[in-house]
Amino acid sequence: MMINRKLCLLAGLAITGLCLMAGLNPVWSEAPSSETLALVNENTITVSALKAEMARRPARMRTPEQRAALLEEMVQFELLCAAALRAGYDKDPEILASLKRLMAKKYREDMLEPRFEKIAVSDKEIEKYYKKHQAAFVTPKMVRAAIIEISVSAHASKQKKAQLLERAEAARAEALNLSLATRSFGPVAVKYSDHQPTRYRGGDTGWLQPDKGDHRWPDEVMGVVFSLKETGKVSPVITTHSGYYLVKLMESRESAPRPLGALKDRIRHQLLAQKKAEVEREFYEELKGKVPVRVDRARLEAIEPPVGGTHKEAKQPPGLPGK
């Protein structure tokens, strides 16, 4: 059967346990209901129950033999439930824990989920949130640059360093003669750059942000990247501990607020989550008002963490401001 047998067993335990544990025998009542198809102890299998199962698999219920086989399957299931009860499975800790989880889940669905369904976020609330946190919805300043790297070994001699510096100066001279249509270093990067990931892209680094470092380049180089103001400007040769560099500004974007229209769905989702969290908090506070709760904080604090529990928790994406 497609029925989740464990959940049905739990339900059967709750409903029929007293009767079965009392040792009742599977007998027909003097006037069985017109719905009754079979009795397993006092647990009735009805016509409606069989039809419900048939509806779940209509293609396999065309013949009387198939329907009889389904009823036998349902009888076997009830036999398992009855045998489990007689064997004391209704007292098994795993079964009881599963039943508690099932009841808690169902109660939450019945009592809390309807409250969630009533929650709504209006366009006015979204606009208010956007205005209050507008500083956080700003596209940061970004620049796009091209970089040529001429590497220098830590053990290079003064003569070798001088040769590489001449190479860097030659690269700069060629870069200054590039046509205005060449936004990057183009063929000059292919000819001179030792940075393989960007060499065949004309040295194009992609978009960079001033407040975010980039492990690909030394700090001195990044400083020059963000100091250039004129598009197409080529820097002087930059000397660092790892080599010589040239930087060319390809494009820049000033910081600007992102439009509300592009953020509406994101803000609505965030506000819905905040409202749900508040409704849930109130729900559990109500329950605590009905059901006594006592917590031994001192004992809780004395509990040692499990051995080996030093693994890093999975990183969660940052929420919107105000979360």
Foldseek 3Di string as FASTA:
>chain_A
DPDPLLVVLLVCCVPCLVQLVVPAQFDADPDHDPQFDGTDRNDGDGVVNLVVVCVVPVVQPPDPVSSVVSVVVVSVSVVVSSVCSNVPVSVPPVSVVVSVVVVVVVCCCVPPVVVLVPDFDDPVNLVVVCVVQQVQQKDAKKFKKAKAWQWDDLPDDPVVQVVQLVLVVVLVVVQVVDDPVPQALAVSLCVGGPPVVCSNVSRIPPMDGPVDDDVVDDPVVSVVQVVDDDRQDKDDWDDDSTGIMIMGTRDIDHMGGDDSVVCVVQSRVQVSVVVSVVSVVVVVVVVCVVDPDDDDVVVVVPDDDDPPPPDDDDDDDDHDPPD
